[in-house]
Amino acid sequence: QVQLMEAGGGLVQAGGSLRLSCSASRNIFTFDSMSWFRQPPGKERESVAQITNNNRPQYADAVKGRFVISRNNTANTVYLQMNNLSSEDTGVYYCNLDGKTVYGGDFWGQGTQVTVSS
């Protein structure tokens, strides 16, 4: 019903930057919010950042001041700019679109691996 395509993961040295993208097959205004989650090795999935349709971002304490979530409404894409990366940022990153109002559920991207070498 809704397809998400993630891109931008990879291997980077500590202190470096990466930008993740998540493109949706539907108009992103049909979603209540867009978020990025991550799952570090051996740990549970955790919230990283969220942005709503009124363009207000929220961040986990661990990434505040380093990560920036943004959206391109024309391209139906949400981004996560990650700066000053550390080994603790290593994990699989997933985008999530909250479509409960219009679609009755959430949608997840396939995940993209981010590995930060120290």
PDB file of N, CA and C in Angstrom:
ATOM      1  N   GLN A   1       0.827  -1.202   0.000  1.00  0.00           N
ATOM      2  CA  GLN A   1       0.000   0.000   0.000  1.00  0.00           C
ATOM      3  C   GLN A   1       0.865   1.257   0.000  1.00  0.00           C
ATOM      4  N   VAL A   2       1.838   1.288   0.862  1.00  0.00           N
ATOM      5  CA  VAL A   2       2.795   2.385   0.909  1.00  0.00           C
ATOM      6  C   VAL A   2       4.181   1.788   0.894  1.00  0.00           C
ATOM      7  N   GLN A   3       5.000   2.229  -0.036  1.00  0.00           N
ATOM      8  CA  GLN A   3       6.378   1.740  -0.103  1.00  0.00           C
ATOM      9  C   GLN A   3       7.328   2.853   0.318  1.00  0.00           C
ATOM     10  N   LEU A   4       8.335   2.448   1.068  1.00  0.00           N
ATOM     11  CA  LEU A   4       9.373   3.369   1.518  1.00  0.00           C
ATOM     12  C   LEU A   4      10.712   2.869   1.001  1.00  0.00           C
ATOM     13  N   MET A   5      11.540   3.779   0.556  1.00  0.00           N
ATOM     14  CA  MET A   5      12.853   3.420   0.056  1.00  0.00           C
ATOM     15  C   MET A   5      13.891   4.248   0.787  1.00  0.00           C
ATOM     16  N   GLU A   6      14.728   3.564   1.544  1.00  0.00           N
ATOM     17  CA  GLU A   6      15.791   4.230   2.289  1.00  0.00           C
ATOM     18  C   GLU A   6      17.097   4.183   1.514  1.00  0.00           C
ATOM     19  N   ALA A   7      17.937   5.179   1.767  1.00  0.00           N
ATOM     20  CA  ALA A   7      19.264   5.217   1.153  1.00  0.00           C
ATOM     21  C   ALA A   7      20.176   6.050   2.029  1.00  0.00           C
ATOM     22  N   GLY A   8      21.484   5.888   1.835  1.00  0.00           N
ATOM     23  CA  GLY A   8      22.449   6.769   2.462  1.00  0.00           C
ATOM     24  C   GLY A   8      23.306   6.181   3.548  1.00  0.00           C
ATOM     25  N   GLY A   9      23.053   4.955   3.952  1.00  0.00           N
ATOM     26  CA  GLY A   9      23.886   4.364   4.989  1.00  0.00           C
ATOM     27  C   GLY A   9      25.272   4.032   4.458  1.00  0.00           C
ATOM     28  N   GLY A  10      26.135   3.587   5.360  1.00  0.00           N
ATOM     29  CA  GLY A  10      27.477   3.216   4.945  1.00  0.00           C
ATOM     30  C   GLY A  10      28.448   3.211   6.100  1.00  0.00           C
ATOM     31  N   LEU A  11      29.715   3.158   5.737  1.00  0.00           N
ATOM     32  CA  LEU A  11      30.800   3.136   6.712  1.00  0.00           C
ATOM     33  C   LEU A  11      31.457   4.513   6.750  1.00  0.00           C
ATOM     34  N   VAL A  12      31.629   5.046   7.936  1.00  0.00           N
ATOM     35  CA  VAL A  12      32.228   6.369   8.088  1.00  0.00           C
ATOM     36  C   VAL A  12      33.109   6.375   9.333  1.00  0.00           C
ATOM     37  N   GLN A  13      34.123   7.188   9.312  1.00  0.00           N
ATOM     38  CA  GLN A  13      34.991   7.304  10.481  1.00  0.00           C
ATOM     39  C   GLN A  13      34.340   8.196  11.534  1.00  0.00           C
ATOM     40  N   ALA A  14      34.727   7.987  12.767  1.00  0.00           N
ATOM     41  CA  ALA A  14      34.225   8.816  13.851  1.00  0.00           C
ATOM     42  C   ALA A  14      34.495  10.284  13.556  1.00  0.00           C
ATOM     43  N   GLY A  15      33.496  11.108  13.829  1.00  0.00           N
ATOM     44  CA  GLY A  15      33.594  12.527  13.519  1.00  0.00           C
ATOM     45  C   GLY A  15      33.058  12.897  12.159  1.00  0.00           C
ATOM     46  N   GLY A  16      32.781  11.895  11.353  1.00  0.00           N
ATOM     47  CA  GLY A  16      32.275  12.139  10.011  1.00  0.00           C
ATOM     48  C   GLY A  16      30.777  12.338   9.975  1.00  0.00           C
ATOM     49  N   SER A  17      30.243  12.446   8.756  1.00  0.00           N
ATOM     50  CA  SER A  17      28.825  12.721   8.557  1.00  0.00           C
ATOM     51  C   SER A  17      28.232  11.780   7.517  1.00  0.00           C
ATOM     52  N   LEU A  18      26.941  11.550   7.646  1.00  0.00           N
ATOM     53  CA  LEU A  18      26.167  10.819   6.655  1.00  0.00           C
ATOM     54  C   LEU A  18      24.789  11.462   6.575  1.00  0.00           C
ATOM     55  N   ARG A  19      24.159  11.328   5.422  1.00  0.00           N
ATOM     56  CA  ARG A  19      22.773  11.762   5.282  1.00  0.00           C
ATOM     57  C   ARG A  19      21.937  10.603   4.787  1.00  0.00           C
ATOM     58  N   LEU A  20      20.929  10.270   5.552  1.00  0.00           N
ATOM     59  CA  LEU A  20      19.991   9.229   5.174  1.00  0.00           C
ATOM     60  C   LEU A  20      18.767   9.861   4.522  1.00  0.00           C
ATOM     61  N   SER A  21      18.166   9.129   3.605  1.00  0.00           N
ATOM     62  CA  SER A  21      16.928   9.585   2.992  1.00  0.00           C
ATOM     63  C   SER A  21      15.904   8.463   3.001  1.00  0.00           C
ATOM     64  N   CYS A  22      14.661   8.855   3.028  1.00  0.00           N
ATOM     65  CA  CYS A  22      13.550   7.906   3.015  1.00  0.00           C
ATOM     66  C   CYS A  22      12.475   8.479   2.108  1.00  0.00           C
ATOM     67  N   SER A  23      12.270   7.850   0.975  1.00  0.00           N
ATOM     68  CA  SER A  23      11.296   8.322  -0.006  1.00  0.00           C
ATOM     69  C   SER A  23      10.040   7.474   0.049  1.00  0.00           C
ATOM     70  N   ALA A  24       8.906   8.145   0.081  1.00  0.00           N
ATOM     71  CA  ALA A  24       7.624   7.455   0.186  1.00  0.00           C
ATOM     72  C   ALA A  24       6.910   7.437  -1.161  1.00  0.00           C
ATOM     73  N   SER A  25       6.096   6.410  -1.354  1.00  0.00           N
ATOM     74  CA  SER A  25       5.334   6.279  -2.597  1.00  0.00           C
ATOM     75  C   SER A  25       4.051   7.098  -2.563  1.00  0.00           C
ATOM     76  N   ARG A  26       3.758   7.711  -1.406  1.00  0.00           N
ATOM     77  CA  ARG A  26       2.566   8.542  -1.266  1.00  0.00           C
ATOM     78  C   ARG A  26       2.965   9.936  -0.783  1.00  0.00           C
ATOM     79  N   ASN A  27       2.045  10.870  -0.938  1.00  0.00           N
ATOM     80  CA  ASN A  27       2.256  12.237  -0.444  1.00  0.00           C
ATOM     81  C   ASN A  27       2.493  12.208   1.067  1.00  0.00           C
ATOM     82  N   ILE A  28       3.613  12.773   1.503  1.00  0.00           N
ATOM     83  CA  ILE A  28       3.945  12.656   2.924  1.00  0.00           C
ATOM     84  C   ILE A  28       3.027  13.477   3.825  1.00  0.00           C
ATOM     85  N   PHE A  29       2.226  14.346   3.245  1.00  0.00           N
ATOM     86  CA  PHE A  29       1.246  15.056   4.070  1.00  0.00           C
ATOM     87  C   PHE A  29       0.109  14.142   4.514  1.00  0.00           C
ATOM     88  N   THR A  30       0.017  12.948   3.916  1.00  0.00           N
ATOM     89  CA  THR A  30      -1.005  11.996   4.347  1.00  0.00           C
ATOM     90  C   THR A  30      -0.589  11.245   5.596  1.00  0.00           C
ATOM     91  N   PHE A  31       0.630  11.483   6.068  1.00  0.00           N
ATOM     92  CA  PHE A  31       1.123  10.837   7.271  1.00  0.00           C
ATOM     93  C   PHE A  31       1.128  11.827   8.431  1.00  0.00           C
ATOM     94  N   ASP A  32       0.863  11.324   9.620  1.00  0.00           N
ATOM     95  CA  ASP A  32       0.798  12.183  10.799  1.00  0.00           C
ATOM     96  C   ASP A  32       2.176  12.683  11.205  1.00  0.00           C
ATOM     97  N   SER A  33       3.165  11.829  11.068  1.00  0.00           N
ATOM     98  CA  SER A  33       4.527  12.215  11.403  1.00  0.00           C
ATOM     99  C   SER A  33       5.491  11.265  10.706  1.00  0.00           C
ATOM    100  N   MET A  34       6.743  11.670  10.644  1.00  0.00           N
ATOM    101  CA  MET A  34       7.797  10.873  10.055  1.00  0.00           C
ATOM    102  C   MET A  34       8.938  10.794  11.055  1.00  0.00           C
ATOM    103  N   SER A  35       9.484   9.615  11.193  1.00  0.00           N
ATOM    104  CA  SER A  35      10.493   9.413  12.243  1.00  0.00           C
ATOM    105  C   SER A  35      11.638   8.564  11.724  1.00  0.00           C
ATOM    106  N   TRP A  36      12.731   8.675  12.428  1.00  0.00           N
ATOM    107  CA  TRP A  36      13.857   7.771  12.236  1.00  0.00           C
ATOM    108  C   TRP A  36      14.089   7.013  13.552  1.00  0.00           C
ATOM    109  N   PHE A  37      14.286   5.714  13.418  1.00  0.00           N
ATOM    110  CA  PHE A  37      14.642   4.849  14.530  1.00  0.00           C
ATOM    111  C   PHE A  37      15.979   4.195  14.190  1.00  0.00           C
ATOM    112  N   ARG A  38      16.606   3.635  15.197  1.00  0.00           N
ATOM    113  CA  ARG A  38      17.810   2.853  14.952  1.00  0.00           C
ATOM    114  C   ARG A  38      17.854   1.674  15.898  1.00  0.00           C
ATOM    115  N   GLN A  39      18.569   0.648  15.471  1.00  0.00           N
ATOM    116  CA  GLN A  39      18.758  -0.528  16.303  1.00  0.00           C
ATOM    117  C   GLN A  39      20.239  -0.836  16.366  1.00  0.00           C
ATOM    118  N   PRO A  40      20.866  -0.482  17.486  1.00  0.00           N
ATOM    119  CA  PRO A  40      22.288  -0.808  17.657  1.00  0.00           C
ATOM    120  C   PRO A  40      22.471  -2.318  17.775  1.00  0.00           C
ATOM    121  N   PRO A  41      23.656  -2.817  17.521  1.00  0.00           N
ATOM    122  CA  PRO A  41      23.901  -4.261  17.626  1.00  0.00           C
ATOM    123  C   PRO A  41      23.568  -4.789  19.019  1.00  0.00           C
ATOM    124  N   GLY A  42      22.759  -5.816  19.069  1.00  0.00           N
ATOM    125  CA  GLY A  42      22.419  -6.443  20.335  1.00  0.00           C
ATOM    126  C   GLY A  42      21.457  -5.672  21.207  1.00  0.00           C
ATOM    127  N   LYS A  43      20.902  -4.593  20.676  1.00  0.00           N
ATOM    128  CA  LYS A  43      19.990  -3.764  21.476  1.00  0.00           C
ATOM    129  C   LYS A  43      18.645  -3.627  20.780  1.00  0.00           C
ATOM    130  N   GLU A  44      17.700  -3.052  21.507  1.00  0.00           N
ATOM    131  CA  GLU A  44      16.371  -2.867  20.951  1.00  0.00           C
ATOM    132  C   GLU A  44      16.329  -1.606  20.079  1.00  0.00           C
ATOM    133  N   ARG A  45      15.332  -1.568  19.224  1.00  0.00           N
ATOM    134  CA  ARG A  45      15.133  -0.400  18.375  1.00  0.00           C
ATOM    135  C   ARG A  45      14.770   0.814  19.229  1.00  0.00           C
ATOM    136  N   GLU A  46      15.332   1.957  18.882  1.00  0.00           N
ATOM    137  CA  GLU A  46      15.093   3.172  19.661  1.00  0.00           C
ATOM    138  C   GLU A  46      14.795   4.344  18.734  1.00  0.00           C
ATOM    139  N   SER A  47      14.033   5.281  19.248  1.00  0.00           N
ATOM    140  CA  SER A  47      13.690   6.460  18.488  1.00  0.00           C
ATOM    141  C   SER A  47      14.876   7.416  18.415  1.00  0.00           C
ATOM    142  N   VAL A  48      15.061   8.019  17.261  1.00  0.00           N
ATOM    143  CA  VAL A  48      16.155   8.963  17.065  1.00  0.00           C
ATOM    144  C   VAL A  48      15.620  10.376  16.849  1.00  0.00           C
ATOM    145  N   ALA A  49      14.677  10.523  15.915  1.00  0.00           N
ATOM    146  CA  ALA A  49      14.166  11.855  15.595  1.00  0.00           C
ATOM    147  C   ALA A  49      12.796  11.726  14.955  1.00  0.00           C
ATOM    148  N   GLN A  50      12.006  12.779  15.107  1.00  0.00           N
ATOM    149  CA  GLN A  50      10.665  12.797  14.543  1.00  0.00           C
ATOM    150  C   GLN A  50      10.362  14.198  14.025  1.00  0.00           C
ATOM    151  N   ILE A  51       9.572  14.250  12.939  1.00  0.00           N
ATOM    152  CA  ILE A  51       9.117  15.537  12.438  1.00  0.00           C
ATOM    153  C   ILE A  51       7.651  15.409  12.048  1.00  0.00           C
ATOM    154  N   THR A  52       6.849  16.384  12.453  1.00  0.00           N
ATOM    155  CA  THR A  52       5.422  16.336  12.179  1.00  0.00           C
ATOM    156  C   THR A  52       5.082  17.207  10.967  1.00  0.00           C
ATOM    157  N   ASN A  53       3.800  17.233  10.620  1.00  0.00           N
ATOM    158  CA  ASN A  53       3.388  18.010   9.450  1.00  0.00           C
ATOM    159  C   ASN A  53       3.455  19.513   9.690  1.00  0.00           C
ATOM    160  N   ASN A  54       3.546  19.937  10.953  1.00  0.00           N
ATOM    161  CA  ASN A  54       3.775  21.363  11.204  1.00  0.00           C
ATOM    162  C   ASN A  54       5.262  21.660  11.322  1.00  0.00           C
ATOM    163  N   ASN A  55       6.072  20.693  10.878  1.00  0.00           N
ATOM    164  CA  ASN A  55       7.525  20.869  10.724  1.00  0.00           C
ATOM    165  C   ASN A  55       8.244  21.090  12.043  1.00  0.00           C
ATOM    166  N   ARG A  56       7.753  20.496  13.108  1.00  0.00           N
ATOM    167  CA  ARG A  56       8.422  20.612  14.399  1.00  0.00           C
ATOM    168  C   ARG A  56       9.206  19.337  14.671  1.00  0.00           C
ATOM    169  N   PRO A  57      10.529  19.442  14.770  1.00  0.00           N
ATOM    170  CA  PRO A  57      11.344  18.255  15.003  1.00  0.00           C
ATOM    171  C   PRO A  57      11.526  17.961  16.499  1.00  0.00           C
ATOM    172  N   GLN A  58      11.714  16.704  16.788  1.00  0.00           N
ATOM    173  CA  GLN A  58      12.060  16.270  18.134  1.00  0.00           C
ATOM    174  C   GLN A  58      13.204  15.278  18.014  1.00  0.00           C
ATOM    175  N   TYR A  59      14.083  15.287  19.011  1.00  0.00           N
ATOM    176  CA  TYR A  59      15.272  14.446  18.949  1.00  0.00           C
ATOM    177  C   TYR A  59      15.482  13.700  20.255  1.00  0.00           C
ATOM    178  N   ALA A  60      16.072  12.523  20.130  1.00  0.00           N
ATOM    179  CA  ALA A  60      16.540  11.820  21.313  1.00  0.00           C
ATOM    180  C   ALA A  60      17.715  12.599  21.903  1.00  0.00           C
ATOM    181  N   ASP A  61      17.847  12.519  23.205  1.00  0.00           N
ATOM    182  CA  ASP A  61      18.927  13.269  23.868  1.00  0.00           C
ATOM    183  C   ASP A  61      20.298  12.910  23.295  1.00  0.00           C
ATOM    184  N   ALA A  62      20.471  11.656  22.909  1.00  0.00           N
ATOM    185  CA  ALA A  62      21.785  11.182  22.459  1.00  0.00           C
ATOM    186  C   ALA A  62      22.221  11.823  21.141  1.00  0.00           C
ATOM    187  N   VAL A  63      21.275  12.397  20.390  1.00  0.00           N
ATOM    188  CA  VAL A  63      21.634  12.942  19.076  1.00  0.00           C
ATOM    189  C   VAL A  63      21.386  14.437  18.971  1.00  0.00           C
ATOM    190  N   LYS A  64      20.848  15.046  19.993  1.00  0.00           N
ATOM    191  CA  LYS A  64      20.570  16.488  19.944  1.00  0.00           C
ATOM    192  C   LYS A  64      21.845  17.269  19.656  1.00  0.00           C
ATOM    193  N   GLY A  65      21.732  18.220  18.748  1.00  0.00           N
ATOM    194  CA  GLY A  65      22.879  19.040  18.386  1.00  0.00           C
ATOM    195  C   GLY A  65      23.767  18.419  17.327  1.00  0.00           C
ATOM    196  N   ARG A  66      23.539  17.141  16.996  1.00  0.00           N
ATOM    197  CA  ARG A  66      24.357  16.466  15.976  1.00  0.00           C
ATOM    198  C   ARG A  66      23.533  16.020  14.765  1.00  0.00           C
ATOM    199  N   PHE A  67      22.314  15.628  14.991  1.00  0.00           N
ATOM    200  CA  PHE A  67      21.447  15.122  13.919  1.00  0.00           C
ATOM    201  C   PHE A  67      20.379  16.164  13.595  1.00  0.00           C
ATOM    202  N   VAL A  68      19.993  16.204  12.331  1.00  0.00           N
ATOM    203  CA  VAL A  68      18.923  17.089  11.888  1.00  0.00           C
ATOM    204  C   VAL A  68      17.961  16.310  10.993  1.00  0.00           C
ATOM    205  N   ILE A  69      16.691  16.309  11.374  1.00  0.00           N
ATOM    206  CA  ILE A  69      15.664  15.681  10.541  1.00  0.00           C
ATOM    207  C   ILE A  69      14.987  16.775   9.721  1.00  0.00           C
ATOM    208  N   SER A  70      14.734  16.474   8.469  1.00  0.00           N
ATOM    209  CA  SER A  70      14.081  17.459   7.599  1.00  0.00           C
ATOM    210  C   SER A  70      13.227  16.726   6.570  1.00  0.00           C
ATOM    211  N   ARG A  71      12.454  17.487   5.828  1.00  0.00           N
ATOM    212  CA  ARG A  71      11.560  16.876   4.857  1.00  0.00           C
ATOM    213  C   ARG A  71      11.511  17.704   3.578  1.00  0.00           C
ATOM    214  N   ASN A  72      11.324  17.022   2.477  1.00  0.00           N
ATOM    215  CA  ASN A  72      11.100  17.670   1.186  1.00  0.00           C
ATOM    216  C   ASN A  72       9.721  17.225   0.721  1.00  0.00           C
ATOM    217  N   ASN A  73       8.757  18.101   0.874  1.00  0.00           N
ATOM    218  CA  ASN A  73       7.378  17.716   0.576  1.00  0.00           C
ATOM    219  C   ASN A  73       7.170  17.418  -0.913  1.00  0.00           C
ATOM    220  N   THR A  74       7.863  18.138  -1.761  1.00  0.00           N
ATOM    221  CA  THR A  74       7.722  17.924  -3.202  1.00  0.00           C
ATOM    222  C   THR A  74       8.228  16.541  -3.601  1.00  0.00           C
ATOM    223  N   ALA A  75       9.319  16.125  -2.962  1.00  0.00           N
ATOM    224  CA  ALA A  75       9.915  14.832  -3.280  1.00  0.00           C
ATOM    225  C   ALA A  75       9.375  13.700  -2.412  1.00  0.00           C
ATOM    226  N   ASN A  76       8.468  14.029  -1.487  1.00  0.00           N
ATOM    227  CA  ASN A  76       7.928  13.020  -0.562  1.00  0.00           C
ATOM    228  C   ASN A  76       9.041  12.255   0.149  1.00  0.00           C
ATOM    229  N   THR A  77       9.999  13.001   0.643  1.00  0.00           N
ATOM    230  CA  THR A  77      11.192  12.401   1.226  1.00  0.00           C
ATOM    231  C   THR A  77      11.504  13.044   2.570  1.00  0.00           C
ATOM    232  N   VAL A  78      11.934  12.225   3.499  1.00  0.00           N
ATOM    233  CA  VAL A  78      12.406  12.711   4.792  1.00  0.00           C
ATOM    234  C   VAL A  78      13.890  12.353   4.902  1.00  0.00           C
ATOM    235  N   TYR A  79      14.647  13.246   5.511  1.00  0.00           N
ATOM    236  CA  TYR A  79      16.093  13.083   5.598  1.00  0.00           C
ATOM    237  C   TYR A  79      16.536  13.045   7.052  1.00  0.00           C
ATOM    238  N   LEU A  80      17.694  12.451   7.255  1.00  0.00           N
ATOM    239  CA  LEU A  80      18.348  12.531   8.550  1.00  0.00           C
ATOM    240  C   LEU A  80      19.817  12.858   8.287  1.00  0.00           C
ATOM    241  N   GLN A  81      20.195  14.089   8.585  1.00  0.00           N
ATOM    242  CA  GLN A  81      21.584  14.509   8.484  1.00  0.00           C
ATOM    243  C   GLN A  81      22.261  14.181   9.806  1.00  0.00           C
ATOM    244  N   MET A  82      23.311  13.386   9.735  1.00  0.00           N
ATOM    245  CA  MET A  82      24.004  12.938  10.938  1.00  0.00           C
ATOM    246  C   MET A  82      25.431  13.462  10.915  1.00  0.00           C
ATOM    247  N   ASN A  83      25.764  14.265  11.908  1.00  0.00           N
ATOM    248  CA  ASN A  83      27.086  14.878  11.986  1.00  0.00           C
ATOM    249  C   ASN A  83      27.819  14.428  13.242  1.00  0.00           C
ATOM    250  N   ASN A  84      29.123  14.572  13.217  1.00  0.00           N
ATOM    251  CA  ASN A  84      29.964  14.231  14.372  1.00  0.00           C
ATOM    252  C   ASN A  84      29.611  12.832  14.892  1.00  0.00           C
ATOM    253  N   LEU A  85      29.621  11.885  13.986  1.00  0.00           N
ATOM    254  CA  LEU A  85      29.216  10.525  14.336  1.00  0.00           C
ATOM    255  C   LEU A  85      30.237   9.862  15.243  1.00  0.00           C
ATOM    256  N   SER A  86      29.738   9.006  16.107  1.00  0.00           N
ATOM    257  CA  SER A  86      30.592   8.215  16.982  1.00  0.00           C
ATOM    258  C   SER A  86      30.218   6.745  16.839  1.00  0.00           C
ATOM    259  N   SER A  87      31.032   5.874  17.426  1.00  0.00           N
ATOM    260  CA  SER A  87      30.777   4.440  17.320  1.00  0.00           C
ATOM    261  C   SER A  87      29.436   4.072  17.957  1.00  0.00           C
ATOM    262  N   GLU A  88      28.976   4.879  18.884  1.00  0.00           N
ATOM    263  CA  GLU A  88      27.686   4.609  19.532  1.00  0.00           C
ATOM    264  C   GLU A  88      26.514   4.860  18.591  1.00  0.00           C
ATOM    265  N   ASP A  89      26.757   5.481  17.463  1.00  0.00           N
ATOM    266  CA  ASP A  89      25.699   5.700  16.471  1.00  0.00           C
ATOM    267  C   ASP A  89      25.575   4.525  15.504  1.00  0.00           C
ATOM    268  N   THR A  90      26.437   3.544  15.620  1.00  0.00           N
ATOM    269  CA  THR A  90      26.388   2.374  14.751  1.00  0.00           C
ATOM    270  C   THR A  90      25.084   1.614  14.941  1.00  0.00           C
ATOM    271  N   GLY A  91      24.489   1.192  13.842  1.00  0.00           N
ATOM    272  CA  GLY A  91      23.266   0.412  13.917  1.00  0.00           C
ATOM    273  C   GLY A  91      22.538   0.420  12.591  1.00  0.00           C
ATOM    274  N   VAL A  92      21.397  -0.240  12.581  1.00  0.00           N
ATOM    275  CA  VAL A  92      20.529  -0.201  11.409  1.00  0.00           C
ATOM    276  C   VAL A  92      19.504   0.906  11.636  1.00  0.00           C
ATOM    277  N   TYR A  93      19.393   1.785  10.682  1.00  0.00           N
ATOM    278  CA  TYR A  93      18.484   2.923  10.782  1.00  0.00           C
ATOM    279  C   TYR A  93      17.242   2.666   9.928  1.00  0.00           C
ATOM    280  N   TYR A  94      16.090   2.937  10.536  1.00  0.00           N
ATOM    281  CA  TYR A  94      14.812   2.700   9.875  1.00  0.00           C
ATOM    282  C   TYR A  94      13.992   3.996   9.849  1.00  0.00           C
ATOM    283  N   CYS A  95      13.356   4.263   8.746  1.00  0.00           N
ATOM    284  CA  CYS A  95      12.383   5.347   8.760  1.00  0.00           C
ATOM    285  C   CYS A  95      10.999   4.756   9.048  1.00  0.00           C
ATOM    286  N   ASN A  96      10.189   5.568   9.666  1.00  0.00           N
ATOM    287  CA  ASN A  96       8.838   5.168  10.035  1.00  0.00           C
ATOM    288  C   ASN A  96       7.888   6.302   9.703  1.00  0.00           C
ATOM    289  N   LEU A  97       6.834   5.968   9.008  1.00  0.00           N
ATOM    290  CA  LEU A  97       5.805   6.956   8.707  1.00  0.00           C
ATOM    291  C   LEU A  97       4.522   6.541   9.418  1.00  0.00           C
ATOM    292  N   ASP A  98       4.031   7.430  10.247  1.00  0.00           N
ATOM    293  CA  ASP A  98       2.810   7.160  11.010  1.00  0.00           C
ATOM    294  C   ASP A  98       1.617   7.475  10.123  1.00  0.00           C
ATOM    295  N   GLY A  99       0.987   6.426   9.643  1.00  0.00           N
ATOM    296  CA  GLY A  99      -0.150   6.610   8.738  1.00  0.00           C
ATOM    297  C   GLY A  99      -1.469   6.177   9.358  1.00  0.00           C
ATOM    298  N   LYS A 100      -1.574   6.239  10.669  1.00  0.00           N
ATOM    299  CA  LYS A 100      -2.755   5.709  11.362  1.00  0.00           C
ATOM    300  C   LYS A 100      -4.035   6.426  10.920  1.00  0.00           C
ATOM    301  N   THR A 101      -3.978   7.740  10.728  1.00  0.00           N
ATOM    302  CA  THR A 101      -5.187   8.488  10.416  1.00  0.00           C
ATOM    303  C   THR A 101      -5.745   8.127   9.052  1.00  0.00           C
ATOM    304  N   VAL A 102      -4.883   8.066   8.052  1.00  0.00           N
ATOM    305  CA  VAL A 102      -5.342   7.845   6.672  1.00  0.00           C
ATOM    306  C   VAL A 102      -5.296   6.370   6.294  1.00  0.00           C
ATOM    307  N   TYR A 103      -4.258   5.670   6.713  1.00  0.00           N
ATOM    308  CA  TYR A 103      -4.038   4.305   6.258  1.00  0.00           C
ATOM    309  C   TYR A 103      -4.301   3.250   7.327  1.00  0.00           C
ATOM    310  N   GLY A 104      -4.451   3.685   8.565  1.00  0.00           N
ATOM    311  CA  GLY A 104      -4.751   2.724   9.628  1.00  0.00           C
ATOM    312  C   GLY A 104      -3.547   2.030  10.209  1.00  0.00           C
ATOM    313  N   GLY A 105      -2.349   2.506   9.922  1.00  0.00           N
ATOM    314  CA  GLY A 105      -1.174   1.859  10.488  1.00  0.00           C
ATOM    315  C   GLY A 105       0.111   2.592  10.167  1.00  0.00           C
ATOM    316  N   ASP A 106       1.199   2.044  10.688  1.00  0.00           N
ATOM    317  CA  ASP A 106       2.533   2.597  10.455  1.00  0.00           C
ATOM    318  C   ASP A 106       3.196   1.879   9.287  1.00  0.00           C
ATOM    319  N   PHE A 107       4.189   2.539   8.716  1.00  0.00           N
ATOM    320  CA  PHE A 107       4.960   1.935   7.641  1.00  0.00           C
ATOM    321  C   PHE A 107       6.442   2.106   7.939  1.00  0.00           C
ATOM    322  N   TRP A 108       7.204   1.042   7.668  1.00  0.00           N
ATOM    323  CA  TRP A 108       8.630   1.033   7.972  1.00  0.00           C
ATOM    324  C   TRP A 108       9.447   0.865   6.697  1.00  0.00           C
ATOM    325  N   GLY A 109      10.588   1.551   6.671  1.00  0.00           N
ATOM    326  CA  GLY A 109      11.548   1.305   5.615  1.00  0.00           C
ATOM    327  C   GLY A 109      12.272  -0.006   5.853  1.00  0.00           C
ATOM    328  N   GLN A 110      13.093  -0.392   4.867  1.00  0.00           N
ATOM    329  CA  GLN A 110      13.764  -1.694   4.932  1.00  0.00           C
ATOM    330  C   GLN A 110      14.980  -1.661   5.845  1.00  0.00           C
ATOM    331  N   GLY A 111      15.403  -0.466   6.237  1.00  0.00           N
ATOM    332  CA  GLY A 111      16.575  -0.334   7.102  1.00  0.00           C
ATOM    333  C   GLY A 111      17.833  -0.124   6.293  1.00  0.00           C
ATOM    334  N   THR A 112      18.713   0.698   6.827  1.00  0.00           N
ATOM    335  CA  THR A 112      20.008   0.932   6.189  1.00  0.00           C
ATOM    336  C   THR A 112      21.088   0.914   7.265  1.00  0.00           C
ATOM    337  N   GLN A 113      22.168   0.231   6.977  1.00  0.00           N
ATOM    338  CA  GLN A 113      23.238   0.043   7.964  1.00  0.00           C
ATOM    339  C   GLN A 113      24.134   1.271   8.022  1.00  0.00           C
ATOM    340  N   VAL A 114      24.369   1.731   9.233  1.00  0.00           N
ATOM    341  CA  VAL A 114      25.339   2.806   9.487  1.00  0.00           C
ATOM    342  C   VAL A 114      26.406   2.235  10.412  1.00  0.00           C
ATOM    343  N   THR A 115      27.644   2.281   9.976  1.00  0.00           N
ATOM    344  CA  THR A 115      28.751   1.780  10.773  1.00  0.00           C
ATOM    345  C   THR A 115      29.771   2.892  10.944  1.00  0.00           C
ATOM    346  N   VAL A 116      30.069   3.210  12.192  1.00  0.00           N
ATOM    347  CA  VAL A 116      31.030   4.270  12.492  1.00  0.00           C
ATOM    348  C   VAL A 116      32.262   3.623  13.095  1.00  0.00           C
ATOM    349  N   SER A 117      33.381   3.795  12.437  1.00  0.00           N
ATOM    350  CA  SER A 117      34.629   3.205  12.928  1.00  0.00           C
ATOM    351  C   SER A 117      35.369   4.225  13.790  1.00  0.00           C
ATOM    352  N   SER A 118      35.936   3.728  14.863  1.00  0.00           N
ATOM    353  CA  SER A 118      36.628   4.633  15.802  1.00  0.00           C
ATOM    354  C   SER A 118      38.118   4.669  15.519  1.00  0.00           C
TER     355      SER A 118
END
